[in-house]
Amino acid sequence: MIVNDTSGDRIESIGTAEAIEAFVPRIGRSVSLDHAAQLLGVSRRTIYNRIRDGRLQTIRTMNGSQRVLIDSMISVVDGGGGMSEI
């Protein structure tokens, strides 16, 4: 997976869990549903399905937006059998 950090630098060929963890200091403890889909390499619909199935945990912001907890993304990638399980 190739990702860009917030400074625009490319981070080449790192695993999905490492890519997610690379964003933690910059974005806090949660990400938007679109960003979660991008980081996990799945569609937005898949993110909604995994939230409904209980595989991903979310929080609601004060304005009602739903955000995916990074810890739940990491646990799905690390302990959930890899990306095929997402």
PDB file of N, CA and C in Angstrom:
ATOM      1  N   MET A   1       0.845  -1.168   0.000  1.00  0.00           N
ATOM      2  CA  MET A   1       0.000   0.000   0.000  1.00  0.00           C
ATOM      3  C   MET A   1       0.891   1.232   0.000  1.00  0.00           C
ATOM      4  N   ILE A   2       0.575   2.200  -0.838  1.00  0.00           N
ATOM      5  CA  ILE A   2       1.305   3.456  -0.880  1.00  0.00           C
ATOM      6  C   ILE A   2       0.374   4.540  -0.368  1.00  0.00           C
ATOM      7  N   VAL A   3       0.838   5.288   0.611  1.00  0.00           N
ATOM      8  CA  VAL A   3       0.020   6.353   1.180  1.00  0.00           C
ATOM      9  C   VAL A   3       0.825   7.633   1.238  1.00  0.00           C
ATOM     10  N   ASN A   4       0.138   8.752   1.321  1.00  0.00           N
ATOM     11  CA  ASN A   4       0.772  10.048   1.518  1.00  0.00           C
ATOM     12  C   ASN A   4       0.475  10.491   2.933  1.00  0.00           C
ATOM     13  N   ASP A   5       1.484  10.991   3.619  1.00  0.00           N
ATOM     14  CA  ASP A   5       1.205  11.552   4.934  1.00  0.00           C
ATOM     15  C   ASP A   5       0.769  13.003   4.750  1.00  0.00           C
ATOM     16  N   THR A   6       0.479  13.688   5.835  1.00  0.00           N
ATOM     17  CA  THR A   6      -0.062  15.036   5.728  1.00  0.00           C
ATOM     18  C   THR A   6       0.937  16.047   5.183  1.00  0.00           C
ATOM     19  N   SER A   7       2.212  15.738   5.215  1.00  0.00           N
ATOM     20  CA  SER A   7       3.202  16.661   4.658  1.00  0.00           C
ATOM     21  C   SER A   7       3.387  16.438   3.164  1.00  0.00           C
ATOM     22  N   GLY A   8       2.718  15.440   2.596  1.00  0.00           N
ATOM     23  CA  GLY A   8       2.826  15.158   1.180  1.00  0.00           C
ATOM     24  C   GLY A   8       3.888  14.140   0.841  1.00  0.00           C
ATOM     25  N   ASP A   9       4.644  13.671   1.831  1.00  0.00           N
ATOM     26  CA  ASP A   9       5.665  12.663   1.581  1.00  0.00           C
ATOM     27  C   ASP A   9       4.996  11.317   1.320  1.00  0.00           C
ATOM     28  N   ARG A  10       5.565  10.562   0.426  1.00  0.00           N
ATOM     29  CA  ARG A  10       5.022   9.230   0.147  1.00  0.00           C
ATOM     30  C   ARG A  10       5.645   8.219   1.086  1.00  0.00           C
ATOM     31  N   ILE A  11       4.818   7.324   1.569  1.00  0.00           N
ATOM     32  CA  ILE A  11       5.293   6.214   2.382  1.00  0.00           C
ATOM     33  C   ILE A  11       5.106   4.980   1.511  1.00  0.00           C
ATOM     34  N   GLU A  12       6.181   4.409   1.042  1.00  0.00           N
ATOM     35  CA  GLU A  12       6.134   3.327   0.070  1.00  0.00           C
ATOM     36  C   GLU A  12       6.010   1.961   0.718  1.00  0.00           C
ATOM     37  N   SER A  13       5.200   1.126   0.127  1.00  0.00           N
ATOM     38  CA  SER A  13       5.143  -0.300   0.406  1.00  0.00           C
ATOM     39  C   SER A  13       5.152  -0.660   1.893  1.00  0.00           C
ATOM     40  N   ILE A  14       4.165  -0.177   2.594  1.00  0.00           N
ATOM     41  CA  ILE A  14       4.016  -0.591   3.983  1.00  0.00           C
ATOM     42  C   ILE A  14       2.720  -1.365   4.102  1.00  0.00           C
ATOM     43  N   GLY A  15       2.635  -2.202   5.110  1.00  0.00           N
ATOM     44  CA  GLY A  15       1.430  -2.987   5.309  1.00  0.00           C
ATOM     45  C   GLY A  15       0.263  -2.122   5.727  1.00  0.00           C
ATOM     46  N   THR A  16      -0.931  -2.686   5.623  1.00  0.00           N
ATOM     47  CA  THR A  16      -2.140  -1.939   5.935  1.00  0.00           C
ATOM     48  C   THR A  16      -2.174  -1.485   7.386  1.00  0.00           C
ATOM     49  N   ALA A  17      -1.844  -2.356   8.319  1.00  0.00           N
ATOM     50  CA  ALA A  17      -1.852  -1.977   9.733  1.00  0.00           C
ATOM     51  C   ALA A  17      -0.849  -0.857   9.978  1.00  0.00           C
ATOM     52  N   GLU A  18       0.318  -0.935   9.350  1.00  0.00           N
ATOM     53  CA  GLU A  18       1.316   0.107   9.520  1.00  0.00           C
ATOM     54  C   GLU A  18       0.842   1.414   8.904  1.00  0.00           C
ATOM     55  N   ALA A  19       0.145   1.333   7.773  1.00  0.00           N
ATOM     56  CA  ALA A  19      -0.381   2.541   7.136  1.00  0.00           C
ATOM     57  C   ALA A  19      -1.406   3.214   8.028  1.00  0.00           C
ATOM     58  N   ILE A  20      -2.267   2.423   8.636  1.00  0.00           N
ATOM     59  CA  ILE A  20      -3.266   2.978   9.546  1.00  0.00           C
ATOM     60  C   ILE A  20      -2.577   3.614  10.743  1.00  0.00           C
ATOM     61  N   GLU A  21      -1.616   2.911  11.325  1.00  0.00           N
ATOM     62  CA  GLU A  21      -0.914   3.433  12.497  1.00  0.00           C
ATOM     63  C   GLU A  21      -0.105   4.677  12.163  1.00  0.00           C
ATOM     64  N   ALA A  22       0.353   4.812  10.906  1.00  0.00           N
ATOM     65  CA  ALA A  22       1.113   5.989  10.504  1.00  0.00           C
ATOM     66  C   ALA A  22       0.261   7.247  10.579  1.00  0.00           C
ATOM     67  N   PHE A  23      -1.051   7.121  10.462  1.00  0.00           N
ATOM     68  CA  PHE A  23      -1.942   8.268  10.500  1.00  0.00           C
ATOM     69  C   PHE A  23      -2.370   8.640  11.909  1.00  0.00           C
ATOM     70  N   VAL A  24      -2.204   7.769  12.869  1.00  0.00           N
ATOM     71  CA  VAL A  24      -2.733   7.989  14.213  1.00  0.00           C
ATOM     72  C   VAL A  24      -2.303   9.320  14.821  1.00  0.00           C
ATOM     73  N   PRO A  25      -1.023   9.665  14.860  1.00  0.00           N
ATOM     74  CA  PRO A  25      -0.653  10.929  15.503  1.00  0.00           C
ATOM     75  C   PRO A  25      -1.222  12.158  14.801  1.00  0.00           C
ATOM     76  N   ARG A  26      -1.490  12.054  13.524  1.00  0.00           N
ATOM     77  CA  ARG A  26      -1.933  13.207  12.756  1.00  0.00           C
ATOM     78  C   ARG A  26      -3.442  13.394  12.787  1.00  0.00           C
ATOM     79  N   ILE A  27      -4.201  12.333  12.933  1.00  0.00           N
ATOM     80  CA  ILE A  27      -5.645  12.456  12.810  1.00  0.00           C
ATOM     81  C   ILE A  27      -6.403  12.099  14.069  1.00  0.00           C
ATOM     82  N   GLY A  28      -5.705  11.752  15.127  1.00  0.00           N
ATOM     83  CA  GLY A  28      -6.412  11.422  16.350  1.00  0.00           C
ATOM     84  C   GLY A  28      -6.838   9.976  16.389  1.00  0.00           C
ATOM     85  N   ARG A  29      -7.939   9.714  17.049  1.00  0.00           N
ATOM     86  CA  ARG A  29      -8.336   8.337  17.291  1.00  0.00           C
ATOM     87  C   ARG A  29      -9.428   7.814  16.375  1.00  0.00           C
ATOM     88  N   SER A  30      -9.891   8.630  15.441  1.00  0.00           N
ATOM     89  CA  SER A  30     -10.929   8.179  14.516  1.00  0.00           C
ATOM     90  C   SER A  30     -10.727   8.813  13.148  1.00  0.00           C
ATOM     91  N   VAL A  31     -11.343   8.205  12.143  1.00  0.00           N
ATOM     92  CA  VAL A  31     -11.269   8.720  10.772  1.00  0.00           C
ATOM     93  C   VAL A  31     -12.670   8.706  10.175  1.00  0.00           C
ATOM     94  N   SER A  32     -12.861   9.479   9.128  1.00  0.00           N
ATOM     95  CA  SER A  32     -14.138   9.479   8.425  1.00  0.00           C
ATOM     96  C   SER A  32     -14.353   8.113   7.763  1.00  0.00           C
ATOM     97  N   LEU A  33     -15.581   7.832   7.413  1.00  0.00           N
ATOM     98  CA  LEU A  33     -15.883   6.569   6.756  1.00  0.00           C
ATOM     99  C   LEU A  33     -15.162   6.462   5.416  1.00  0.00           C
ATOM    100  N   ASP A  34     -15.103   7.553   4.682  1.00  0.00           N
ATOM    101  CA  ASP A  34     -14.384   7.548   3.398  1.00  0.00           C
ATOM    102  C   ASP A  34     -12.896   7.267   3.588  1.00  0.00           C
ATOM    103  N   HIS A  35     -12.311   7.880   4.616  1.00  0.00           N
ATOM    104  CA  HIS A  35     -10.888   7.675   4.874  1.00  0.00           C
ATOM    105  C   HIS A  35     -10.627   6.240   5.333  1.00  0.00           C
ATOM    106  N   ALA A  36     -11.528   5.693   6.153  1.00  0.00           N
ATOM    107  CA  ALA A  36     -11.401   4.299   6.584  1.00  0.00           C
ATOM    108  C   ALA A  36     -11.437   3.366   5.379  1.00  0.00           C
ATOM    109  N   ALA A  37     -12.352   3.626   4.453  1.00  0.00           N
ATOM    110  CA  ALA A  37     -12.445   2.804   3.244  1.00  0.00           C
ATOM    111  C   ALA A  37     -11.162   2.885   2.434  1.00  0.00           C
ATOM    112  N   GLN A  38     -10.618   4.091   2.312  1.00  0.00           N
ATOM    113  CA  GLN A  38      -9.370   4.277   1.566  1.00  0.00           C
ATOM    114  C   GLN A  38      -8.216   3.537   2.240  1.00  0.00           C
ATOM    115  N   LEU A  39      -8.090   3.675   3.546  1.00  0.00           N
ATOM    116  CA  LEU A  39      -6.994   3.027   4.263  1.00  0.00           C
ATOM    117  C   LEU A  39      -7.086   1.504   4.206  1.00  0.00           C
ATOM    118  N   LEU A  40      -8.314   0.975   4.259  1.00  0.00           N
ATOM    119  CA  LEU A  40      -8.492  -0.470   4.251  1.00  0.00           C
ATOM    120  C   LEU A  40      -8.586  -1.048   2.840  1.00  0.00           C
ATOM    121  N   GLY A  41      -8.686  -0.182   1.854  1.00  0.00           N
ATOM    122  CA  GLY A  41      -8.752  -0.646   0.464  1.00  0.00           C
ATOM    123  C   GLY A  41     -10.071  -1.308   0.111  1.00  0.00           C
ATOM    124  N   VAL A  42     -11.162  -0.804   0.708  1.00  0.00           N
ATOM    125  CA  VAL A  42     -12.497  -1.353   0.442  1.00  0.00           C
ATOM    126  C   VAL A  42     -13.438  -0.208   0.100  1.00  0.00           C
ATOM    127  N   SER A  43     -14.659  -0.555  -0.278  1.00  0.00           N
ATOM    128  CA  SER A  43     -15.641   0.470  -0.613  1.00  0.00           C
ATOM    129  C   SER A  43     -16.295   1.045   0.642  1.00  0.00           C
ATOM    130  N   ARG A  44     -16.936   2.181   0.462  1.00  0.00           N
ATOM    131  CA  ARG A  44     -17.680   2.800   1.563  1.00  0.00           C
ATOM    132  C   ARG A  44     -18.806   1.869   2.021  1.00  0.00           C
ATOM    133  N   ARG A  45     -19.445   1.187   1.079  1.00  0.00           N
ATOM    134  CA  ARG A  45     -20.513   0.238   1.412  1.00  0.00           C
ATOM    135  C   ARG A  45     -19.974  -0.876   2.312  1.00  0.00           C
ATOM    136  N   THR A  46     -18.768  -1.367   2.036  1.00  0.00           N
ATOM    137  CA  THR A  46     -18.159  -2.405   2.867  1.00  0.00           C
ATOM    138  C   THR A  46     -17.941  -1.887   4.281  1.00  0.00           C
ATOM    139  N   ILE A  47     -17.528  -0.630   4.410  1.00  0.00           N
ATOM    140  CA  ILE A  47     -17.356  -0.038   5.743  1.00  0.00           C
ATOM    141  C   ILE A  47     -18.684  -0.048   6.486  1.00  0.00           C
ATOM    142  N   TYR A  48     -19.761   0.379   5.827  1.00  0.00           N
ATOM    143  CA  TYR A  48     -21.089   0.348   6.463  1.00  0.00           C
ATOM    144  C   TYR A  48     -21.483  -1.068   6.872  1.00  0.00           C
ATOM    145  N   ASN A  49     -21.209  -2.041   6.002  1.00  0.00           N
ATOM    146  CA  ASN A  49     -21.533  -3.430   6.335  1.00  0.00           C
ATOM    147  C   ASN A  49     -20.753  -3.916   7.551  1.00  0.00           C
ATOM    148  N   ARG A  50     -19.464  -3.569   7.625  1.00  0.00           N
ATOM    149  CA  ARG A  50     -18.638  -4.010   8.763  1.00  0.00           C
ATOM    150  C   ARG A  50     -19.053  -3.308  10.055  1.00  0.00           C
ATOM    151  N   ILE A  51     -19.537  -2.080   9.958  1.00  0.00           N
ATOM    152  CA  ILE A  51     -20.069  -1.394  11.139  1.00  0.00           C
ATOM    153  C   ILE A  51     -21.330  -2.120  11.610  1.00  0.00           C
ATOM    154  N   ARG A  52     -22.205  -2.427  10.681  1.00  0.00           N
ATOM    155  CA  ARG A  52     -23.451  -3.139  11.010  1.00  0.00           C
ATOM    156  C   ARG A  52     -23.162  -4.512  11.612  1.00  0.00           C
ATOM    157  N   ASP A  53     -22.139  -5.207  11.087  1.00  0.00           N
ATOM    158  CA  ASP A  53     -21.762  -6.538  11.580  1.00  0.00           C
ATOM    159  C   ASP A  53     -21.027  -6.489  12.914  1.00  0.00           C
ATOM    160  N   GLY A  54     -20.620  -5.291  13.333  1.00  0.00           N
ATOM    161  CA  GLY A  54     -19.893  -5.152  14.590  1.00  0.00           C
ATOM    162  C   GLY A  54     -18.394  -5.324  14.460  1.00  0.00           C
ATOM    163  N   ARG A  55     -17.892  -5.435  13.241  1.00  0.00           N
ATOM    164  CA  ARG A  55     -16.448  -5.595  13.038  1.00  0.00           C
ATOM    165  C   ARG A  55     -15.689  -4.289  13.190  1.00  0.00           C
ATOM    166  N   LEU A  56     -16.355  -3.181  12.881  1.00  0.00           N
ATOM    167  CA  LEU A  56     -15.756  -1.861  13.056  1.00  0.00           C
ATOM    168  C   LEU A  56     -16.609  -1.069  14.036  1.00  0.00           C
ATOM    169  N   GLN A  57     -15.945  -0.336  14.909  1.00  0.00           N
ATOM    170  CA  GLN A  57     -16.645   0.483  15.885  1.00  0.00           C
ATOM    171  C   GLN A  57     -16.578   1.943  15.456  1.00  0.00           C
ATOM    172  N   THR A  58     -17.642   2.675  15.767  1.00  0.00           N
ATOM    173  CA  THR A  58     -17.702   4.081  15.391  1.00  0.00           C
ATOM    174  C   THR A  58     -18.087   4.941  16.581  1.00  0.00           C
ATOM    175  N   ILE A  59     -17.886   6.225  16.383  1.00  0.00           N
ATOM    176  CA  ILE A  59     -18.386   7.220  17.321  1.00  0.00           C
ATOM    177  C   ILE A  59     -19.166   8.245  16.508  1.00  0.00           C
ATOM    178  N   ARG A  60     -20.016   8.988  17.185  1.00  0.00           N
ATOM    179  CA  ARG A  60     -20.732  10.094  16.552  1.00  0.00           C
ATOM    180  C   ARG A  60     -20.156  11.400  17.080  1.00  0.00           C
ATOM    181  N   THR A  61     -19.905  12.318  16.177  1.00  0.00           N
ATOM    182  CA  THR A  61     -19.421  13.627  16.596  1.00  0.00           C
ATOM    183  C   THR A  61     -20.604  14.462  17.065  1.00  0.00           C
ATOM    184  N   MET A  62     -20.319  15.617  17.609  1.00  0.00           N
ATOM    185  CA  MET A  62     -21.385  16.482  18.099  1.00  0.00           C
ATOM    186  C   MET A  62     -22.319  16.940  16.981  1.00  0.00           C
ATOM    187  N   ASN A  63     -21.817  17.018  15.763  1.00  0.00           N
ATOM    188  CA  ASN A  63     -22.678  17.434  14.651  1.00  0.00           C
ATOM    189  C   ASN A  63     -23.358  16.247  13.975  1.00  0.00           C
ATOM    190  N   GLY A  64     -23.175  15.042  14.517  1.00  0.00           N
ATOM    191  CA  GLY A  64     -23.877  13.859  14.011  1.00  0.00           C
ATOM    192  C   GLY A  64     -23.102  13.012  13.027  1.00  0.00           C
ATOM    193  N   SER A  65     -21.898  13.433  12.645  1.00  0.00           N
ATOM    194  CA  SER A  65     -21.090  12.632  11.724  1.00  0.00           C
ATOM    195  C   SER A  65     -20.654  11.344  12.407  1.00  0.00           C
ATOM    196  N   GLN A  66     -20.544  10.294  11.619  1.00  0.00           N
ATOM    197  CA  GLN A  66     -20.073   9.010  12.133  1.00  0.00           C
ATOM    198  C   GLN A  66     -18.616   8.848  11.735  1.00  0.00           C
ATOM    199  N   ARG A  67     -17.773   8.431  12.694  1.00  0.00           N
ATOM    200  CA  ARG A  67     -16.353   8.236  12.442  1.00  0.00           C
ATOM    201  C   ARG A  67     -15.939   6.860  12.934  1.00  0.00           C
ATOM    202  N   VAL A  68     -15.005   6.228  12.218  1.00  0.00           N
ATOM    203  CA  VAL A  68     -14.534   4.886  12.540  1.00  0.00           C
ATOM    204  C   VAL A  68     -13.350   4.996  13.489  1.00  0.00           C
ATOM    205  N   LEU A  69     -13.391   4.221  14.577  1.00  0.00           N
ATOM    206  CA  LEU A  69     -12.285   4.209  15.530  1.00  0.00           C
ATOM    207  C   LEU A  69     -11.090   3.476  14.924  1.00  0.00           C
ATOM    208  N   ILE A  70      -9.922   4.096  15.004  1.00  0.00           N
ATOM    209  CA  ILE A  70      -8.715   3.510  14.431  1.00  0.00           C
ATOM    210  C   ILE A  70      -8.379   2.185  15.106  1.00  0.00           C
ATOM    211  N   ASP A  71      -8.564   2.097  16.420  1.00  0.00           N
ATOM    212  CA  ASP A  71      -8.271   0.843  17.122  1.00  0.00           C
ATOM    213  C   ASP A  71      -9.073  -0.323  16.551  1.00  0.00           C
ATOM    214  N   SER A  72     -10.324  -0.080  16.169  1.00  0.00           N
ATOM    215  CA  SER A  72     -11.123  -1.174  15.609  1.00  0.00           C
ATOM    216  C   SER A  72     -10.618  -1.550  14.222  1.00  0.00           C
ATOM    217  N   MET A  73     -10.100  -0.576  13.456  1.00  0.00           N
ATOM    218  CA  MET A  73      -9.534  -0.880  12.143  1.00  0.00           C
ATOM    219  C   MET A  73      -8.274  -1.723  12.294  1.00  0.00           C
ATOM    220  N   ILE A  74      -7.429  -1.364  13.249  1.00  0.00           N
ATOM    221  CA  ILE A  74      -6.194  -2.103  13.463  1.00  0.00           C
ATOM    222  C   ILE A  74      -6.499  -3.522  13.925  1.00  0.00           C
ATOM    223  N   SER A  75      -7.464  -3.673  14.828  1.00  0.00           N
ATOM    224  CA  SER A  75      -7.779  -5.013  15.323  1.00  0.00           C
ATOM    225  C   SER A  75      -8.378  -5.888  14.223  1.00  0.00           C
ATOM    226  N   VAL A  76      -9.141  -5.293  13.309  1.00  0.00           N
ATOM    227  CA  VAL A  76      -9.685  -6.067  12.189  1.00  0.00           C
ATOM    228  C   VAL A  76      -8.563  -6.538  11.274  1.00  0.00           C
ATOM    229  N   VAL A  77      -7.623  -5.662  10.998  1.00  0.00           N
ATOM    230  CA  VAL A  77      -6.516  -6.015  10.101  1.00  0.00           C
ATOM    231  C   VAL A  77      -5.575  -7.006  10.758  1.00  0.00           C
ATOM    232  N   ASP A  78      -5.203  -6.754  12.005  1.00  0.00           N
ATOM    233  CA  ASP A  78      -4.240  -7.622  12.697  1.00  0.00           C
ATOM    234  C   ASP A  78      -4.845  -8.941  13.160  1.00  0.00           C
ATOM    235  N   GLY A  79      -5.994  -8.888  13.779  1.00  0.00           N
ATOM    236  CA  GLY A  79      -6.550 -10.098  14.381  1.00  0.00           C
ATOM    237  C   GLY A  79      -7.695 -10.713  13.623  1.00  0.00           C
ATOM    238  N   GLY A  80      -8.169 -10.047  12.609  1.00  0.00           N
ATOM    239  CA  GLY A  80      -9.348 -10.533  11.909  1.00  0.00           C
ATOM    240  C   GLY A  80      -9.077 -11.390  10.703  1.00  0.00           C
ATOM    241  N   GLY A  81      -7.849 -11.852  10.549  1.00  0.00           N
ATOM    242  CA  GLY A  81      -7.568 -12.733   9.424  1.00  0.00           C
ATOM    243  C   GLY A  81      -7.133 -12.007   8.175  1.00  0.00           C
ATOM    244  N   GLY A  82      -6.807 -10.744   8.287  1.00  0.00           N
ATOM    245  CA  GLY A  82      -6.303 -10.005   7.135  1.00  0.00           C
ATOM    246  C   GLY A  82      -7.418  -9.328   6.354  1.00  0.00           C
ATOM    247  N   MET A  83      -7.042  -8.753   5.231  1.00  0.00           N
ATOM    248  CA  MET A  83      -7.967  -7.961   4.431  1.00  0.00           C
ATOM    249  C   MET A  83      -9.100  -8.776   3.850  1.00  0.00           C
ATOM    250  N   SER A  84      -8.899 -10.077   3.630  1.00  0.00           N
ATOM    251  CA  SER A  84      -9.981 -10.884   3.059  1.00  0.00           C
ATOM    252  C   SER A  84     -11.163 -10.968   4.007  1.00  0.00           C
ATOM    253  N   GLU A  85     -10.923 -10.749   5.295  1.00  0.00           N
ATOM    254  CA  GLU A  85     -11.998 -10.765   6.276  1.00  0.00           C
ATOM    255  C   GLU A  85     -12.764  -9.470   6.326  1.00  0.00           C
ATOM    256  N   ILE A  86     -12.176  -8.404   5.796  1.00  0.00           N
ATOM    257  CA  ILE A  86     -12.843  -7.105   5.840  1.00  0.00           C
ATOM    258  C   ILE A  86     -13.883  -7.112   4.776  1.00  0.00           C
TER     259      ILE A  86
END
